[in-house]
Amino acid sequence: MNIIRKIAQGIAKTKFGRNALNENADLTVFNKKPSAKVFWGVFLMLISYIAGWPMIGLFGALSLYWKEPLIITIGGPISFGVAHIAFFAGLYLAGGRYVMPFIRWATKVMLKKLI
């Protein structure tokens, strides 16, 4: 018996694995219209990409242009941190409702194929 099948059997013995196989784990939650909270979450994730590396590049260019290395030294990590905070806040808002049903469904599909 190969290692992947043994891992799948071990997962199937857990409470989460048994629930995923026994319940009707499906993706019906994705059929409903997303709420405003989800749209705000996606918006925050998009903003995080704008506030991330492009801002660091802008700070780098400005620090070279003005010959002030403190602009990139201080502004780079701050904008990187703000981008991460915005992304994780958006992930929390947008994905909280959808993560567990998707993981349960994916576990069910994987276990049915491997066991």
N, C-alpha and C. Protein backbone atom coordinates (compact mmCIF):
# COMPACT_ATOMS: atom_id res chain seq x y z
N MET A 1 0.86 -1.18 0.00
CA MET A 1 0.00 0.00 0.00
C MET A 1 0.90 1.24 0.00
N ASN A 2 0.63 2.18 -0.87
CA ASN A 2 1.51 3.34 -0.95
C ASN A 2 1.22 4.35 0.17
N ILE A 3 2.13 5.26 0.32
CA ILE A 3 2.09 6.21 1.44
C ILE A 3 0.89 7.16 1.32
N ILE A 4 0.52 7.55 0.12
CA ILE A 4 -0.60 8.48 -0.05
C ILE A 4 -1.91 7.83 0.40
N ARG A 5 -2.08 6.55 0.07
CA ARG A 5 -3.30 5.85 0.48
C ARG A 5 -3.34 5.69 2.00
N LYS A 6 -2.19 5.47 2.63
CA LYS A 6 -2.14 5.36 4.08
C LYS A 6 -2.50 6.69 4.74
N ILE A 7 -2.00 7.77 4.18
CA ILE A 7 -2.33 9.10 4.71
C ILE A 7 -3.83 9.35 4.56
N ALA A 8 -4.39 9.00 3.41
CA ALA A 8 -5.83 9.20 3.19
C ALA A 8 -6.65 8.37 4.16
N GLN A 9 -6.22 7.16 4.44
CA GLN A 9 -6.95 6.33 5.41
C GLN A 9 -6.84 6.91 6.81
N GLY A 10 -5.70 7.49 7.13
CA GLY A 10 -5.55 8.15 8.42
C GLY A 10 -6.45 9.36 8.55
N ILE A 11 -6.58 10.12 7.47
CA ILE A 11 -7.48 11.29 7.47
C ILE A 11 -8.93 10.83 7.59
N ALA A 12 -9.26 9.73 6.92
CA ALA A 12 -10.64 9.23 6.97
C ALA A 12 -11.03 8.76 8.36
N LYS A 13 -10.07 8.39 9.18
CA LYS A 13 -10.36 7.93 10.54
C LYS A 13 -10.60 9.09 11.52
N THR A 14 -10.21 10.30 11.14
CA THR A 14 -10.41 11.45 12.02
C THR A 14 -11.87 11.86 12.02
N LYS A 15 -12.24 12.65 13.01
CA LYS A 15 -13.63 13.12 13.10
C LYS A 15 -13.99 13.97 11.89
N PHE A 16 -13.07 14.86 11.47
CA PHE A 16 -13.33 15.71 10.32
C PHE A 16 -13.49 14.88 9.05
N GLY A 17 -12.64 13.87 8.87
CA GLY A 17 -12.73 13.02 7.70
C GLY A 17 -14.02 12.23 7.65
N ARG A 18 -14.42 11.68 8.81
CA ARG A 18 -15.69 10.94 8.86
C ARG A 18 -16.87 11.85 8.56
N ASN A 19 -16.86 13.07 9.13
CA ASN A 19 -17.96 14.01 8.86
C ASN A 19 -18.01 14.40 7.39
N ALA A 20 -16.84 14.61 6.78
CA ALA A 20 -16.81 14.99 5.36
C ALA A 20 -17.36 13.87 4.49
N LEU A 21 -17.07 12.63 4.84
CA LEU A 21 -17.58 11.51 4.04
C LEU A 21 -19.06 11.24 4.30
N ASN A 22 -19.50 11.37 5.54
CA ASN A 22 -20.89 11.02 5.89
C ASN A 22 -21.88 12.14 5.58
N GLU A 23 -21.47 13.38 5.77
CA GLU A 23 -22.39 14.49 5.49
C GLU A 23 -22.47 14.72 3.99
N ASN A 24 -23.44 15.50 3.61
CA ASN A 24 -23.55 15.88 2.22
C ASN A 24 -22.71 17.14 2.01
N ALA A 25 -21.40 16.97 1.95
CA ALA A 25 -20.49 18.11 1.76
C ALA A 25 -20.53 18.53 0.30
N ASP A 26 -21.15 19.66 0.04
CA ASP A 26 -21.24 20.15 -1.33
C ASP A 26 -20.93 21.64 -1.36
N LEU A 27 -21.03 22.20 -2.53
CA LEU A 27 -20.65 23.61 -2.72
C LEU A 27 -21.87 24.50 -2.95
N THR A 28 -22.99 24.20 -2.31
CA THR A 28 -24.20 25.01 -2.52
C THR A 28 -24.05 26.41 -1.94
N VAL A 29 -23.13 26.61 -1.02
CA VAL A 29 -22.94 27.94 -0.44
C VAL A 29 -22.46 28.93 -1.51
N PHE A 30 -21.84 28.43 -2.58
CA PHE A 30 -21.36 29.30 -3.65
C PHE A 30 -22.47 29.71 -4.61
N ASN A 31 -23.65 29.12 -4.50
CA ASN A 31 -24.76 29.48 -5.37
C ASN A 31 -25.46 30.77 -4.93
N LYS A 32 -25.29 31.14 -3.68
CA LYS A 32 -25.96 32.33 -3.17
C LYS A 32 -25.20 33.59 -3.57
N LYS A 33 -25.92 34.69 -3.63
CA LYS A 33 -25.31 35.97 -3.97
C LYS A 33 -24.41 36.41 -2.82
N PRO A 34 -23.17 36.86 -3.12
CA PRO A 34 -22.27 37.31 -2.06
C PRO A 34 -22.81 38.55 -1.35
N SER A 35 -22.52 38.65 -0.07
CA SER A 35 -22.98 39.80 0.71
C SER A 35 -22.02 40.98 0.51
N ALA A 36 -22.41 42.11 1.07
CA ALA A 36 -21.57 43.30 0.99
C ALA A 36 -20.25 43.07 1.73
N LYS A 37 -20.29 42.26 2.78
CA LYS A 37 -19.07 41.94 3.53
C LYS A 37 -18.05 41.25 2.63
N VAL A 38 -18.52 40.36 1.78
CA VAL A 38 -17.62 39.66 0.86
C VAL A 38 -17.02 40.64 -0.14
N PHE A 39 -17.84 41.56 -0.66
CA PHE A 39 -17.33 42.55 -1.61
C PHE A 39 -16.30 43.46 -0.95
N TRP A 40 -16.53 43.85 0.30
CA TRP A 40 -15.54 44.66 1.01
C TRP A 40 -14.24 43.89 1.20
N GLY A 41 -14.35 42.60 1.48
CA GLY A 41 -13.17 41.78 1.64
C GLY A 41 -12.35 41.70 0.36
N VAL A 42 -13.02 41.48 -0.76
CA VAL A 42 -12.33 41.44 -2.04
C VAL A 42 -11.70 42.79 -2.36
N PHE A 43 -12.42 43.88 -2.06
CA PHE A 43 -11.88 45.22 -2.27
C PHE A 43 -10.61 45.43 -1.44
N LEU A 44 -10.62 45.01 -0.18
CA LEU A 44 -9.43 45.15 0.65
C LEU A 44 -8.26 44.33 0.12
N MET A 45 -8.55 43.15 -0.39
CA MET A 45 -7.46 42.35 -0.96
C MET A 45 -6.88 43.01 -2.21
N LEU A 46 -7.73 43.61 -3.02
CA LEU A 46 -7.22 44.33 -4.19
C LEU A 46 -6.39 45.53 -3.79
N ILE A 47 -6.86 46.27 -2.79
CA ILE A 47 -6.12 47.43 -2.31
C ILE A 47 -4.76 47.01 -1.76
N SER A 48 -4.71 45.82 -1.14
CA SER A 48 -3.43 45.37 -0.57
C SER A 48 -2.38 45.19 -1.66
N TYR A 49 -2.80 44.77 -2.86
CA TYR A 49 -1.84 44.64 -3.95
C TYR A 49 -1.35 46.00 -4.43
N ILE A 50 -2.22 46.98 -4.40
CA ILE A 50 -1.82 48.33 -4.80
C ILE A 50 -0.91 48.95 -3.74
N ALA A 51 -1.17 48.66 -2.48
CA ALA A 51 -0.37 49.24 -1.40
C ALA A 51 0.91 48.46 -1.14
N GLY A 52 1.10 47.32 -1.76
CA GLY A 52 2.25 46.48 -1.50
C GLY A 52 3.47 46.88 -2.31
N TRP A 53 3.84 46.01 -3.24
CA TRP A 53 5.08 46.22 -3.98
C TRP A 53 5.12 47.49 -4.83
N PRO A 54 4.03 47.92 -5.47
CA PRO A 54 4.12 49.19 -6.21
C PRO A 54 4.47 50.39 -5.31
N MET A 55 3.94 50.40 -4.09
CA MET A 55 4.29 51.49 -3.17
C MET A 55 5.76 51.40 -2.76
N ILE A 56 6.25 50.19 -2.55
CA ILE A 56 7.66 50.02 -2.20
C ILE A 56 8.54 50.48 -3.37
N GLY A 57 8.13 50.16 -4.58
CA GLY A 57 8.86 50.64 -5.76
C GLY A 57 8.83 52.15 -5.86
N LEU A 58 7.68 52.75 -5.56
CA LEU A 58 7.57 54.21 -5.58
C LEU A 58 8.47 54.83 -4.52
N PHE A 59 8.46 54.25 -3.31
CA PHE A 59 9.34 54.76 -2.25
C PHE A 59 10.81 54.61 -2.64
N GLY A 60 11.15 53.51 -3.31
CA GLY A 60 12.53 53.32 -3.76
C GLY A 60 12.93 54.36 -4.79
N ALA A 61 12.04 54.62 -5.74
CA ALA A 61 12.33 55.63 -6.77
C ALA A 61 12.45 57.01 -6.15
N LEU A 62 11.54 57.34 -5.22
CA LEU A 62 11.60 58.64 -4.57
C LEU A 62 12.86 58.79 -3.72
N SER A 63 13.27 57.72 -3.06
CA SER A 63 14.48 57.81 -2.24
C SER A 63 15.73 57.98 -3.11
N LEU A 64 15.72 57.40 -4.29
CA LEU A 64 16.85 57.62 -5.21
C LEU A 64 16.81 59.03 -5.80
N TYR A 65 15.63 59.48 -6.15
CA TYR A 65 15.49 60.81 -6.76
C TYR A 65 15.88 61.92 -5.80
N TRP A 66 15.42 61.81 -4.55
CA TRP A 66 15.69 62.84 -3.55
C TRP A 66 16.95 62.56 -2.73
N LYS A 67 17.61 61.44 -3.01
CA LYS A 67 18.82 61.03 -2.29
C LYS A 67 18.59 60.98 -0.78
N GLU A 68 17.44 60.42 -0.41
CA GLU A 68 17.06 60.22 1.00
C GLU A 68 16.79 58.73 1.23
N PRO A 69 17.78 57.98 1.70
CA PRO A 69 17.57 56.54 1.87
C PRO A 69 16.55 56.19 2.96
N LEU A 70 16.26 57.13 3.86
CA LEU A 70 15.28 56.84 4.91
C LEU A 70 13.87 56.65 4.37
N ILE A 71 13.60 57.20 3.18
CA ILE A 71 12.27 57.04 2.59
C ILE A 71 11.98 55.57 2.35
N ILE A 72 12.91 54.84 1.73
CA ILE A 72 12.69 53.42 1.47
C ILE A 72 12.93 52.60 2.72
N THR A 73 13.86 53.04 3.57
CA THR A 73 14.17 52.30 4.79
C THR A 73 12.99 52.25 5.74
N ILE A 74 12.27 53.34 5.85
CA ILE A 74 11.13 53.41 6.76
C ILE A 74 9.82 53.13 6.02
N GLY A 75 9.65 53.74 4.87
CA GLY A 75 8.39 53.61 4.13
C GLY A 75 8.15 52.23 3.54
N GLY A 76 9.22 51.54 3.13
CA GLY A 76 9.07 50.22 2.55
C GLY A 76 8.45 49.21 3.50
N PRO A 77 9.05 49.00 4.66
CA PRO A 77 8.45 48.03 5.60
C PRO A 77 7.07 48.45 6.10
N ILE A 78 6.85 49.74 6.26
CA ILE A 78 5.53 50.18 6.71
C ILE A 78 4.47 49.87 5.65
N SER A 79 4.75 50.17 4.38
CA SER A 79 3.75 49.89 3.34
C SER A 79 3.58 48.38 3.15
N PHE A 80 4.64 47.62 3.33
CA PHE A 80 4.54 46.16 3.24
C PHE A 80 3.66 45.61 4.36
N GLY A 81 3.84 46.15 5.57
CA GLY A 81 3.01 45.73 6.71
C GLY A 81 1.56 46.11 6.53
N VAL A 82 1.30 47.31 6.05
CA VAL A 82 -0.08 47.76 5.82
C VAL A 82 -0.74 46.90 4.75
N ALA A 83 0.02 46.54 3.72
CA ALA A 83 -0.54 45.69 2.66
C ALA A 83 -0.91 44.32 3.22
N HIS A 84 -0.08 43.76 4.09
CA HIS A 84 -0.40 42.47 4.68
C HIS A 84 -1.63 42.55 5.59
N ILE A 85 -1.70 43.59 6.37
CA ILE A 85 -2.86 43.75 7.25
C ILE A 85 -4.14 43.88 6.43
N ALA A 86 -4.08 44.67 5.35
CA ALA A 86 -5.26 44.83 4.49
C ALA A 86 -5.63 43.51 3.83
N PHE A 87 -4.64 42.74 3.38
CA PHE A 87 -4.93 41.47 2.74
C PHE A 87 -5.58 40.49 3.71
N PHE A 88 -5.02 40.37 4.93
CA PHE A 88 -5.58 39.43 5.89
C PHE A 88 -6.97 39.86 6.37
N ALA A 89 -7.20 41.17 6.48
CA ALA A 89 -8.54 41.64 6.83
C ALA A 89 -9.52 41.30 5.71
N GLY A 90 -9.11 41.50 4.47
CA GLY A 90 -9.97 41.15 3.34
C GLY A 90 -10.21 39.66 3.24
N LEU A 91 -9.20 38.88 3.54
CA LEU A 91 -9.36 37.42 3.54
C LEU A 91 -10.34 36.98 4.61
N TYR A 92 -10.26 37.61 5.76
CA TYR A 92 -11.19 37.29 6.85
C TYR A 92 -12.62 37.65 6.46
N LEU A 93 -12.80 38.83 5.86
CA LEU A 93 -14.15 39.27 5.49
C LEU A 93 -14.71 38.47 4.32
N ALA A 94 -13.89 38.19 3.32
CA ALA A 94 -14.40 37.57 2.10
C ALA A 94 -14.47 36.05 2.19
N GLY A 95 -13.56 35.43 2.90
CA GLY A 95 -13.48 33.99 2.82
C GLY A 95 -14.00 33.24 4.01
N GLY A 96 -14.34 33.90 5.08
CA GLY A 96 -14.75 33.21 6.29
C GLY A 96 -15.93 32.27 6.10
N ARG A 97 -16.85 32.67 5.29
CA ARG A 97 -18.07 31.88 5.08
C ARG A 97 -17.84 30.72 4.11
N TYR A 98 -16.82 30.82 3.28
CA TYR A 98 -16.64 29.86 2.20
C TYR A 98 -15.52 28.86 2.43
N VAL A 99 -14.65 29.11 3.38
CA VAL A 99 -13.47 28.27 3.53
C VAL A 99 -13.83 26.85 3.99
N MET A 100 -14.55 26.73 5.08
CA MET A 100 -14.83 25.39 5.63
C MET A 100 -15.70 24.53 4.71
N PRO A 101 -16.75 25.05 4.08
CA PRO A 101 -17.48 24.19 3.13
C PRO A 101 -16.60 23.70 1.98
N PHE A 102 -15.70 24.56 1.51
CA PHE A 102 -14.81 24.15 0.42
C PHE A 102 -13.82 23.09 0.89
N ILE A 103 -13.24 23.26 2.07
CA ILE A 103 -12.28 22.28 2.59
C ILE A 103 -12.98 20.95 2.86
N ARG A 104 -14.18 20.99 3.39
CA ARG A 104 -14.93 19.76 3.65
C ARG A 104 -15.24 19.04 2.34
N TRP A 105 -15.67 19.79 1.33
CA TRP A 105 -15.96 19.19 0.02
C TRP A 105 -14.70 18.61 -0.61
N ALA A 106 -13.59 19.36 -0.56
CA ALA A 106 -12.33 18.88 -1.15
C ALA A 106 -11.84 17.62 -0.43
N THR A 107 -12.01 17.57 0.89
CA THR A 107 -11.62 16.38 1.65
C THR A 107 -12.47 15.20 1.23
N LYS A 108 -13.76 15.41 1.07
CA LYS A 108 -14.66 14.33 0.66
C LYS A 108 -14.26 13.79 -0.71
N VAL A 109 -14.01 14.68 -1.65
CA VAL A 109 -13.64 14.26 -3.02
C VAL A 109 -12.31 13.51 -2.99
N MET A 110 -11.33 14.04 -2.25
CA MET A 110 -10.01 13.39 -2.20
C MET A 110 -10.10 12.01 -1.57
N LEU A 111 -10.82 11.92 -0.46
CA LEU A 111 -10.91 10.62 0.22
C LEU A 111 -11.64 9.59 -0.60
N LYS A 112 -12.68 10.00 -1.33
CA LYS A 112 -13.41 9.04 -2.16
C LYS A 112 -12.53 8.52 -3.29
N LYS A 113 -11.62 9.34 -3.80
CA LYS A 113 -10.74 8.90 -4.89
C LYS A 113 -9.62 8.01 -4.38
N LEU A 114 -9.14 8.28 -3.17
CA LEU A 114 -7.96 7.57 -2.69
C LEU A 114 -8.25 6.32 -1.88
N ILE A 115 -9.46 6.23 -1.33
CA ILE A 115 -9.76 5.06 -0.49
C ILE A 115 -10.52 4.02 -1.27
